[in-house]
Amino acid sequence: MSVNAQQIEYWNGAVGQRWARLQETIDGNLAAITQALIPFAAAKPGERVLDIGCGCGTATIMLSKAVGPGGDVTGVDISAPMLAVARARGANANFLEADASVHLFKPTHELIFSRFGVMFFADPPAAFANIRKALAPHGRLAFVCWRAVQDNLWASAPFAAARDLLPAQEAADPLAPGPFAFADDARLKVILSQAGFHNIRIDRLDSTMNMGATAEEAAAQALNIGPLARAAAELDEAAREKITARVKTALAKFATASGIAPPASCWLVGATG
């Protein structure tokens, strides 16, 4: 059994199916961060790129345009539902259903890239050591991951607003696989060093999460994606309606001319092999 079996089951079940359905919404959520990540990664014409945790393939498609017809981009993910969406989009890219932490990669890629796809490994140093095997000589790594949940009000504000309406929550292990597993940049640097990476660069990116045009739309998104969605997954419709009312009020505070845009804070991470 794969060491990441729990994550494989999770992303092939109801959550992966929901994320596949919400591909356009999630791309809108992450648009500002993606616009910062793509130039940070700086894929060049003719390069071979591996996109780890590619999901529905949005960044993979952007990378394939950057490398052009002389390059090659492969997106890898454990989620069959999201990969089905990626393949259906007709991108000039390859898509592979595999666990990147153990897959037998060949050392042919100038760039290993990820948009929020590397925080879910059960054994991060071993996973990154395996991923590093995909790098060609003088290749590089570039990815984005979330900073601490309290710095990401798109996630923490809805959860806090609904906390007393939720089932009792076990204390979360901050180091467990999950979206905020790499919040500690010092730990992240150690993980990458242990995996054999060099010239590690970890830059803070403060951005926003685009959660829709209205507070009602933003509340619906919070109940589909993020910590609140997981905590409220088993609640009945009446309870969800009460939570929605609370969350609408909490997220309305982040209204801008272009919609509801709470703060989102990440690390842009670069390294060489």
C-alpha atoms as a PDB file:
ATOM      1  CA  MET A   1       0.000   0.000   0.000  1.00  0.00           C
ATOM      2  CA  SER A   2       1.272   3.486  -0.867  1.00  0.00           C
ATOM      3  CA  VAL A   3       2.442   5.617   2.034  1.00  0.00           C
ATOM      4  CA  ASN A   4       0.105   8.268   0.580  1.00  0.00           C
ATOM      5  CA  ALA A   5      -2.886   5.892   0.347  1.00  0.00           C
ATOM      6  CA  GLN A   6      -5.086   8.154   2.479  1.00  0.00           C
ATOM      7  CA  GLN A   7      -4.464  11.130   0.198  1.00  0.00           C
ATOM      8  CA  ILE A   8      -5.022   9.006  -2.912  1.00  0.00           C
ATOM      9  CA  GLU A   9      -8.397   7.881  -1.561  1.00  0.00           C
ATOM     10  CA  TYR A  10      -9.305  11.434  -0.530  1.00  0.00           C
ATOM     11  CA  TRP A  11      -8.534  13.048  -3.908  1.00  0.00           C
ATOM     12  CA  ASN A  12     -10.284  10.289  -5.864  1.00  0.00           C
ATOM     13  CA  GLY A  13     -13.437  10.458  -3.767  1.00  0.00           C
ATOM     14  CA  ALA A  14     -16.055  13.136  -3.255  1.00  0.00           C
ATOM     15  CA  VAL A  15     -13.499  15.926  -2.754  1.00  0.00           C
ATOM     16  CA  GLY A  16     -11.641  15.220  -5.985  1.00  0.00           C
ATOM     17  CA  GLN A  17     -14.941  14.991  -7.859  1.00  0.00           C
ATOM     18  CA  ARG A  18     -16.063  18.314  -6.370  1.00  0.00           C
ATOM     19  CA  TRP A  19     -12.796  20.034  -7.259  1.00  0.00           C
ATOM     20  CA  ALA A  20     -13.126  18.711 -10.809  1.00  0.00           C
ATOM     21  CA  ARG A  21     -16.620  20.215 -11.069  1.00  0.00           C
ATOM     22  CA  LEU A  22     -15.373  23.515  -9.638  1.00  0.00           C
ATOM     23  CA  GLN A  23     -12.315  23.848 -11.884  1.00  0.00           C
ATOM     24  CA  GLU A  24     -13.283  27.270 -13.263  1.00  0.00           C
ATOM     25  CA  THR A  25     -14.175  28.581  -9.812  1.00  0.00           C
ATOM     26  CA  ILE A  26     -10.889  27.405  -8.286  1.00  0.00           C
ATOM     27  CA  ASP A  27      -8.913  28.905 -11.168  1.00  0.00           C
ATOM     28  CA  GLY A  28     -10.651  32.200 -10.449  1.00  0.00           C
ATOM     29  CA  ASN A  29      -9.849  31.884  -6.740  1.00  0.00           C
ATOM     30  CA  LEU A  30      -6.142  31.429  -7.447  1.00  0.00           C
ATOM     31  CA  ALA A  31      -5.770  33.791 -10.401  1.00  0.00           C
ATOM     32  CA  ALA A  32      -3.717  36.454  -8.610  1.00  0.00           C
ATOM     33  CA  ILE A  33      -1.365  33.888  -7.078  1.00  0.00           C
ATOM     34  CA  THR A  34      -0.961  32.056 -10.375  1.00  0.00           C
ATOM     35  CA  GLN A  35      -0.043  35.330 -12.076  1.00  0.00           C
ATOM     36  CA  ALA A  36       2.828  35.691  -9.584  1.00  0.00           C
ATOM     37  CA  LEU A  37       3.911  32.046  -9.708  1.00  0.00           C
ATOM     38  CA  ILE A  38       4.259  31.625 -13.473  1.00  0.00           C
ATOM     39  CA  PRO A  39       6.918  34.360 -13.899  1.00  0.00           C
ATOM     40  CA  PHE A  40       8.645  33.189 -10.701  1.00  0.00           C
ATOM     41  CA  ALA A  41       9.040  29.731 -12.257  1.00  0.00           C
ATOM     42  CA  ALA A  42      10.146  31.328 -15.555  1.00  0.00           C
ATOM     43  CA  ALA A  43       9.647  28.351 -17.872  1.00  0.00           C
ATOM     44  CA  LYS A  44      11.641  28.946 -21.054  1.00  0.00           C
ATOM     45  CA  PRO A  45      10.988  27.974 -24.676  1.00  0.00           C
ATOM     46  CA  GLY A  46      12.133  24.441 -25.354  1.00  0.00           C
ATOM     47  CA  GLU A  47      12.256  23.344 -21.702  1.00  0.00           C
ATOM     48  CA  ARG A  48      10.890  20.086 -20.348  1.00  0.00           C
ATOM     49  CA  VAL A  49       8.654  20.708 -17.329  1.00  0.00           C
ATOM     50  CA  LEU A  50       7.059  18.445 -14.718  1.00  0.00           C
ATOM     51  CA  ASP A  51       3.975  19.884 -12.971  1.00  0.00           C
ATOM     52  CA  ILE A  52       3.466  18.119  -9.621  1.00  0.00           C
ATOM     53  CA  GLY A  53      -0.118  17.950  -8.342  1.00  0.00           C
ATOM     54  CA  CYS A  54      -1.397  19.463 -11.576  1.00  0.00           C
ATOM     55  CA  GLY A  55      -5.078  18.982 -10.733  1.00  0.00           C
ATOM     56  CA  CYS A  56      -7.280  20.092 -13.616  1.00  0.00           C
ATOM     57  CA  GLY A  57      -4.279  21.274 -15.593  1.00  0.00           C
ATOM     58  CA  THR A  58      -4.615  25.046 -15.612  1.00  0.00           C
ATOM     59  CA  ALA A  59      -0.990  25.805 -14.747  1.00  0.00           C
ATOM     60  CA  THR A  60       0.120  22.883 -16.940  1.00  0.00           C
ATOM     61  CA  ILE A  61      -1.558  24.542 -19.916  1.00  0.00           C
ATOM     62  CA  MET A  62       0.094  27.873 -19.107  1.00  0.00           C
ATOM     63  CA  LEU A  63       3.477  26.172 -18.869  1.00  0.00           C
ATOM     64  CA  SER A  64       2.976  24.407 -22.197  1.00  0.00           C
ATOM     65  CA  LYS A  65       2.394  27.780 -23.845  1.00  0.00           C
ATOM     66  CA  ALA A  66       5.548  29.147 -22.213  1.00  0.00           C
ATOM     67  CA  VAL A  67       7.805  26.317 -23.427  1.00  0.00           C
ATOM     68  CA  GLY A  68       6.267  26.312 -26.892  1.00  0.00           C
ATOM     69  CA  PRO A  69       6.279  23.545 -29.491  1.00  0.00           C
ATOM     70  CA  GLY A  70       9.931  22.768 -28.831  1.00  0.00           C
ATOM     71  CA  GLY A  71       9.301  22.019 -25.166  1.00  0.00           C
ATOM     72  CA  ASP A  72       7.389  19.375 -23.273  1.00  0.00           C
ATOM     73  CA  VAL A  73       5.151  19.579 -20.198  1.00  0.00           C
ATOM     74  CA  THR A  74       3.826  16.680 -18.139  1.00  0.00           C
ATOM     75  CA  GLY A  75       1.278  17.142 -15.378  1.00  0.00           C
ATOM     76  CA  VAL A  76       1.168  14.454 -12.704  1.00  0.00           C
ATOM     77  CA  ASP A  77      -1.571  13.969 -10.107  1.00  0.00           C
ATOM     78  CA  ILE A  78      -3.172  11.248  -8.000  1.00  0.00           C
ATOM     79  CA  SER A  79      -6.732  12.447  -8.715  1.00  0.00           C
ATOM     80  CA  ALA A  80      -8.397  10.661 -11.632  1.00  0.00           C
ATOM     81  CA  PRO A  81     -11.429  13.011 -11.605  1.00  0.00           C
ATOM     82  CA  MET A  82      -9.268  16.112 -11.960  1.00  0.00           C
ATOM     83  CA  LEU A  83      -6.997  14.519 -14.554  1.00  0.00           C
ATOM     84  CA  ALA A  84     -10.080  13.686 -16.622  1.00  0.00           C
ATOM     85  CA  VAL A  85     -10.894  17.395 -16.725  1.00  0.00           C
ATOM     86  CA  ALA A  86      -7.286  18.246 -17.590  1.00  0.00           C
ATOM     87  CA  ARG A  87      -7.209  15.821 -20.517  1.00  0.00           C
ATOM     88  CA  ALA A  88     -10.596  16.977 -21.798  1.00  0.00           C
ATOM     89  CA  ARG A  89      -9.332  20.549 -22.078  1.00  0.00           C
ATOM     90  CA  GLY A  90      -7.280  19.559 -25.110  1.00  0.00           C
ATOM     91  CA  ALA A  91      -4.026  21.010 -23.872  1.00  0.00           C
ATOM     92  CA  ASN A  92      -0.726  20.486 -25.649  1.00  0.00           C
ATOM     93  CA  ALA A  93       0.552  18.642 -22.582  1.00  0.00           C
ATOM     94  CA  ASN A  94       0.822  15.135 -21.188  1.00  0.00           C
ATOM     95  CA  PHE A  95      -0.991  14.007 -18.054  1.00  0.00           C
ATOM     96  CA  LEU A  96       0.048  11.139 -15.804  1.00  0.00           C
ATOM     97  CA  GLU A  97      -1.935   9.569 -12.955  1.00  0.00           C
ATOM     98  CA  ALA A  98       0.758   8.702 -10.437  1.00  0.00           C
ATOM     99  CA  ASP A  99       2.007   9.312  -6.901  1.00  0.00           C
ATOM    100  CA  ALA A 100       4.925  11.693  -7.451  1.00  0.00           C
ATOM    101  CA  SER A 101       6.498  10.664  -4.148  1.00  0.00           C
ATOM    102  CA  VAL A 102       7.338   7.178  -5.458  1.00  0.00           C
ATOM    103  CA  HIS A 103       6.969   7.273  -9.241  1.00  0.00           C
ATOM    104  CA  LEU A 104      10.102   6.268 -11.163  1.00  0.00           C
ATOM    105  CA  PHE A 105      10.968   9.510 -12.925  1.00  0.00           C
ATOM    106  CA  LYS A 106      13.712   9.923 -15.484  1.00  0.00           C
ATOM    107  CA  PRO A 107      16.164  12.838 -15.019  1.00  0.00           C
ATOM    108  CA  THR A 108      14.943  14.776 -18.042  1.00  0.00           C
ATOM    109  CA  HIS A 109      13.215  17.915 -16.732  1.00  0.00           C
ATOM    110  CA  GLU A 110      14.754  21.368 -16.560  1.00  0.00           C
ATOM    111  CA  LEU A 111      11.926  22.595 -14.323  1.00  0.00           C
ATOM    112  CA  ILE A 112       9.853  20.907 -11.642  1.00  0.00           C
ATOM    113  CA  PHE A 113       6.842  23.085 -10.866  1.00  0.00           C
ATOM    114  CA  SER A 114       3.850  22.960  -8.542  1.00  0.00           C
ATOM    115  CA  ARG A 115       0.876  25.157  -7.722  1.00  0.00           C
ATOM    116  CA  PHE A 116      -0.231  23.991  -4.265  1.00  0.00           C
ATOM    117  CA  GLY A 117       0.445  20.344  -5.087  1.00  0.00           C
ATOM    118  CA  VAL A 118       3.303  19.341  -2.789  1.00  0.00           C
ATOM    119  CA  MET A 119       1.947  19.811   0.753  1.00  0.00           C
ATOM    120  CA  PHE A 120       0.203  16.429   1.027  1.00  0.00           C
ATOM    121  CA  PHE A 121       3.086  13.944   1.193  1.00  0.00           C
ATOM    122  CA  ALA A 122       3.203  11.582   4.184  1.00  0.00           C
ATOM    123  CA  ASP A 123       7.031  11.684   4.119  1.00  0.00           C
ATOM    124  CA  PRO A 124       8.052  15.048   2.620  1.00  0.00           C
ATOM    125  CA  PRO A 125      11.863  14.567   2.589  1.00  0.00           C
ATOM    126  CA  ALA A 126      11.517  11.193   0.853  1.00  0.00           C
ATOM    127  CA  ALA A 127       8.941  12.573  -1.572  1.00  0.00           C
ATOM    128  CA  PHE A 128      11.086  15.549  -2.548  1.00  0.00           C
ATOM    129  CA  ALA A 129      14.150  13.309  -2.854  1.00  0.00           C
ATOM    130  CA  ASN A 130      12.200  11.184  -5.326  1.00  0.00           C
ATOM    131  CA  ILE A 131      10.934  14.220  -7.221  1.00  0.00           C
ATOM    132  CA  ARG A 132      14.488  15.550  -7.471  1.00  0.00           C
ATOM    133  CA  LYS A 133      15.356  12.455  -9.516  1.00  0.00           C
ATOM    134  CA  ALA A 134      13.205  13.936 -12.297  1.00  0.00           C
ATOM    135  CA  LEU A 135      15.578  16.901 -12.696  1.00  0.00           C
ATOM    136  CA  ALA A 136      18.045  17.114 -15.539  1.00  0.00           C
ATOM    137  CA  PRO A 137      21.538  18.407 -14.670  1.00  0.00           C
ATOM    138  CA  HIS A 138      21.327  22.060 -13.610  1.00  0.00           C
ATOM    139  CA  GLY A 139      17.535  21.771 -13.329  1.00  0.00           C
ATOM    140  CA  ARG A 140      15.457  23.784 -10.889  1.00  0.00           C
ATOM    141  CA  LEU A 141      12.412  23.588  -8.634  1.00  0.00           C
ATOM    142  CA  ALA A 142       9.680  26.233  -8.330  1.00  0.00           C
ATOM    143  CA  PHE A 143       6.440  25.958  -6.381  1.00  0.00           C
ATOM    144  CA  VAL A 144       3.937  27.834  -4.260  1.00  0.00           C
ATOM    145  CA  CYS A 145       2.495  26.667  -0.926  1.00  0.00           C
ATOM    146  CA  TRP A 146       0.371  28.271   1.762  1.00  0.00           C
ATOM    147  CA  ARG A 147       1.774  30.102   4.762  1.00  0.00           C
ATOM    148  CA  ALA A 148       0.030  29.797   8.151  1.00  0.00           C
ATOM    149  CA  VAL A 149      -3.747  29.505   8.191  1.00  0.00           C
ATOM    150  CA  GLN A 150      -4.081  32.630  10.351  1.00  0.00           C
ATOM    151  CA  ASP A 151      -2.403  34.605   7.547  1.00  0.00           C
ATOM    152  CA  ASN A 152      -4.958  33.249   5.075  1.00  0.00           C
ATOM    153  CA  LEU A 153      -8.230  34.902   5.983  1.00  0.00           C
ATOM    154  CA  TRP A 154      -9.965  33.266   3.016  1.00  0.00           C
ATOM    155  CA  ALA A 155      -9.687  30.058   5.081  1.00  0.00           C
ATOM    156  CA  SER A 156      -9.563  31.196   8.702  1.00  0.00           C
ATOM    157  CA  ALA A 157     -12.285  33.878   8.696  1.00  0.00           C
ATOM    158  CA  PRO A 158     -15.134  31.586   7.523  1.00  0.00           C
ATOM    159  CA  PHE A 159     -14.045  28.841   9.916  1.00  0.00           C
ATOM    160  CA  ALA A 160     -13.876  31.224  12.876  1.00  0.00           C
ATOM    161  CA  ALA A 161     -17.293  32.672  12.065  1.00  0.00           C
ATOM    162  CA  ALA A 162     -18.889  29.210  12.095  1.00  0.00           C
ATOM    163  CA  ARG A 163     -16.806  27.559  14.810  1.00  0.00           C
ATOM    164  CA  ASP A 164     -19.575  27.150  17.405  1.00  0.00           C
ATOM    165  CA  LEU A 165     -21.910  25.647  14.786  1.00  0.00           C
ATOM    166  CA  LEU A 166     -19.442  22.935  13.788  1.00  0.00           C
ATOM    167  CA  PRO A 167     -18.897  19.470  15.264  1.00  0.00           C
ATOM    168  CA  ALA A 168     -16.095  19.287  17.830  1.00  0.00           C
ATOM    169  CA  GLN A 169     -12.750  19.408  16.013  1.00  0.00           C
ATOM    170  CA  GLU A 170      -9.691  17.431  17.018  1.00  0.00           C
ATOM    171  CA  ALA A 171      -6.587  19.532  17.448  1.00  0.00           C
ATOM    172  CA  ALA A 172      -4.863  19.567  14.074  1.00  0.00           C
ATOM    173  CA  ASP A 173      -1.269  18.448  13.708  1.00  0.00           C
ATOM    174  CA  PRO A 174       0.378  21.401  11.937  1.00  0.00           C
ATOM    175  CA  LEU A 175       2.964  19.078  10.371  1.00  0.00           C
ATOM    176  CA  ALA A 176       0.444  16.559   8.997  1.00  0.00           C
ATOM    177  CA  PRO A 177      -0.163  16.384   5.245  1.00  0.00           C
ATOM    178  CA  GLY A 178      -2.538  19.169   4.302  1.00  0.00           C
ATOM    179  CA  PRO A 179      -2.746  22.610   2.737  1.00  0.00           C
ATOM    180  CA  PHE A 180      -0.816  24.390   5.517  1.00  0.00           C
ATOM    181  CA  ALA A 181       1.827  21.725   6.154  1.00  0.00           C
ATOM    182  CA  PHE A 182       4.654  23.972   4.923  1.00  0.00           C
ATOM    183  CA  ALA A 183       3.681  27.120   6.789  1.00  0.00           C
ATOM    184  CA  ASP A 184       7.000  27.018   8.697  1.00  0.00           C
ATOM    185  CA  ASP A 185       9.595  28.183   6.191  1.00  0.00           C
ATOM    186  CA  ALA A 186      12.485  27.006   8.372  1.00  0.00           C
ATOM    187  CA  ARG A 187      11.067  23.466   8.379  1.00  0.00           C
ATOM    188  CA  LEU A 188      10.467  23.656   4.654  1.00  0.00           C
ATOM    189  CA  LYS A 189      14.082  24.625   4.035  1.00  0.00           C
ATOM    190  CA  VAL A 190      15.271  21.657   6.098  1.00  0.00           C
ATOM    191  CA  ILE A 191      12.990  19.293   4.154  1.00  0.00           C
ATOM    192  CA  LEU A 192      14.328  20.490   0.820  1.00  0.00           C
ATOM    193  CA  SER A 193      17.930  20.343   2.058  1.00  0.00           C
ATOM    194  CA  GLN A 194      17.429  16.782   3.296  1.00  0.00           C
ATOM    195  CA  ALA A 195      16.026  15.905  -0.129  1.00  0.00           C
ATOM    196  CA  GLY A 196      19.206  17.139  -1.810  1.00  0.00           C
ATOM    197  CA  PHE A 197      18.142  20.536  -3.124  1.00  0.00           C
ATOM    198  CA  HIS A 198      20.481  23.541  -3.096  1.00  0.00           C
ATOM    199  CA  ASN A 199      20.269  27.328  -3.443  1.00  0.00           C
ATOM    200  CA  ILE A 200      16.920  27.281  -1.666  1.00  0.00           C
ATOM    201  CA  ARG A 201      14.930  30.505  -1.909  1.00  0.00           C
ATOM    202  CA  ILE A 202      11.692  31.058   0.024  1.00  0.00           C
ATOM    203  CA  ASP A 203       9.933  34.364  -0.663  1.00  0.00           C
ATOM    204  CA  ARG A 204       6.763  35.585   0.994  1.00  0.00           C
ATOM    205  CA  LEU A 205       3.866  36.403  -1.332  1.00  0.00           C
ATOM    206  CA  ASP A 206       0.932  38.330   0.096  1.00  0.00           C
ATOM    207  CA  SER A 207      -1.987  38.250  -2.305  1.00  0.00           C
ATOM    208  CA  THR A 208      -5.760  37.764  -2.327  1.00  0.00           C
ATOM    209  CA  MET A 209      -8.210  34.950  -2.935  1.00  0.00           C
ATOM    210  CA  ASN A 210     -10.951  35.874  -5.396  1.00  0.00           C
ATOM    211  CA  MET A 211     -14.048  34.291  -3.851  1.00  0.00           C
ATOM    212  CA  GLY A 212     -16.704  35.640  -6.172  1.00  0.00           C
ATOM    213  CA  ALA A 213     -18.771  38.711  -6.871  1.00  0.00           C
ATOM    214  CA  THR A 214     -20.924  38.642  -3.728  1.00  0.00           C
ATOM    215  CA  ALA A 215     -20.726  37.560  -0.102  1.00  0.00           C
ATOM    216  CA  GLU A 216     -23.322  34.883  -0.823  1.00  0.00           C
ATOM    217  CA  GLU A 217     -21.149  33.433  -3.585  1.00  0.00           C
ATOM    218  CA  ALA A 218     -18.076  33.627  -1.334  1.00  0.00           C
ATOM    219  CA  ALA A 219     -19.880  31.795   1.477  1.00  0.00           C
ATOM    220  CA  ALA A 220     -20.870  29.023  -0.915  1.00  0.00           C
ATOM    221  CA  GLN A 221     -17.241  28.696  -1.952  1.00  0.00           C
ATOM    222  CA  ALA A 222     -16.080  28.522   1.677  1.00  0.00           C
ATOM    223  CA  LEU A 223     -18.450  25.581   2.182  1.00  0.00           C
ATOM    224  CA  ASN A 224     -16.959  23.808  -0.836  1.00  0.00           C
ATOM    225  CA  ILE A 225     -13.230  24.502  -0.505  1.00  0.00           C
ATOM    226  CA  GLY A 226     -10.963  24.877   2.515  1.00  0.00           C
ATOM    227  CA  PRO A 227     -11.029  24.057   6.238  1.00  0.00           C
ATOM    228  CA  LEU A 228     -14.696  24.959   6.718  1.00  0.00           C
ATOM    229  CA  ALA A 229     -15.745  22.666   3.876  1.00  0.00           C
ATOM    230  CA  ARG A 230     -14.024  19.710   5.512  1.00  0.00           C
ATOM    231  CA  ALA A 231     -15.420  20.475   8.988  1.00  0.00           C
ATOM    232  CA  ALA A 232     -18.986  20.946   7.738  1.00  0.00           C
ATOM    233  CA  ALA A 233     -19.023  18.065   5.258  1.00  0.00           C
ATOM    234  CA  GLU A 234     -21.422  15.854   7.240  1.00  0.00           C
ATOM    235  CA  LEU A 235     -23.837  18.544   8.457  1.00  0.00           C
ATOM    236  CA  ASP A 236     -27.458  18.680   7.338  1.00  0.00           C
ATOM    237  CA  GLU A 237     -28.944  21.447   5.216  1.00  0.00           C
ATOM    238  CA  ALA A 238     -30.399  23.367   8.165  1.00  0.00           C
ATOM    239  CA  ALA A 239     -27.006  23.579   9.862  1.00  0.00           C
ATOM    240  CA  ARG A 240     -25.333  24.590   6.617  1.00  0.00           C
ATOM    241  CA  GLU A 241     -27.852  27.404   6.152  1.00  0.00           C
ATOM    242  CA  LYS A 242     -26.985  28.803   9.595  1.00  0.00           C
ATOM    243  CA  ILE A 243     -23.285  28.583   8.759  1.00  0.00           C
ATOM    244  CA  THR A 244     -23.844  30.276   5.408  1.00  0.00           C
ATOM    245  CA  ALA A 245     -25.495  33.256   7.100  1.00  0.00           C
ATOM    246  CA  ARG A 246     -22.565  33.635   9.496  1.00  0.00           C
ATOM    247  CA  VAL A 247     -19.958  33.270   6.780  1.00  0.00           C
ATOM    248  CA  LYS A 248     -21.665  35.763   4.469  1.00  0.00           C
ATOM    249  CA  THR A 249     -21.334  38.401   7.188  1.00  0.00           C
ATOM    250  CA  ALA A 250     -17.687  37.497   7.848  1.00  0.00           C
ATOM    251  CA  LEU A 251     -16.669  37.597   4.205  1.00  0.00           C
ATOM    252  CA  ALA A 252     -18.613  40.743   3.331  1.00  0.00           C
ATOM    253  CA  LYS A 253     -15.871  42.650   5.157  1.00  0.00           C
ATOM    254  CA  PHE A 254     -13.504  41.787   2.314  1.00  0.00           C
ATOM    255  CA  ALA A 255     -15.614  43.322  -0.436  1.00  0.00           C
ATOM    256  CA  THR A 256     -13.712  45.174  -3.158  1.00  0.00           C
ATOM    257  CA  ALA A 257     -14.690  46.757  -6.454  1.00  0.00           C
ATOM    258  CA  SER A 258     -13.963  43.430  -8.173  1.00  0.00           C
ATOM    259  CA  GLY A 259     -15.635  41.147  -5.625  1.00  0.00           C
ATOM    260  CA  ILE A 260     -14.910  39.395  -2.321  1.00  0.00           C
ATOM    261  CA  ALA A 261     -11.120  39.176  -1.992  1.00  0.00           C
ATOM    262  CA  PRO A 262      -9.804  38.158   1.458  1.00  0.00           C
ATOM    263  CA  PRO A 263      -6.058  38.062   2.107  1.00  0.00           C
ATOM    264  CA  ALA A 264      -4.095  35.023   0.949  1.00  0.00           C
ATOM    265  CA  SER A 265      -0.493  34.491   1.987  1.00  0.00           C
ATOM    266  CA  CYS A 266       1.966  32.016   0.446  1.00  0.00           C
ATOM    267  CA  TRP A 267       5.571  31.022   0.014  1.00  0.00           C
ATOM    268  CA  LEU A 268       7.152  31.147  -3.429  1.00  0.00           C
ATOM    269  CA  VAL A 269       9.848  28.488  -3.250  1.00  0.00           C
ATOM    270  CA  GLY A 270      12.761  28.006  -5.610  1.00  0.00           C
ATOM    271  CA  ALA A 271      15.768  25.677  -5.541  1.00  0.00           C
ATOM    272  CA  THR A 272      18.250  23.853  -7.743  1.00  0.00           C
ATOM    273  CA  GLY A 273      18.961  20.153  -7.847  1.00  0.00           C
END
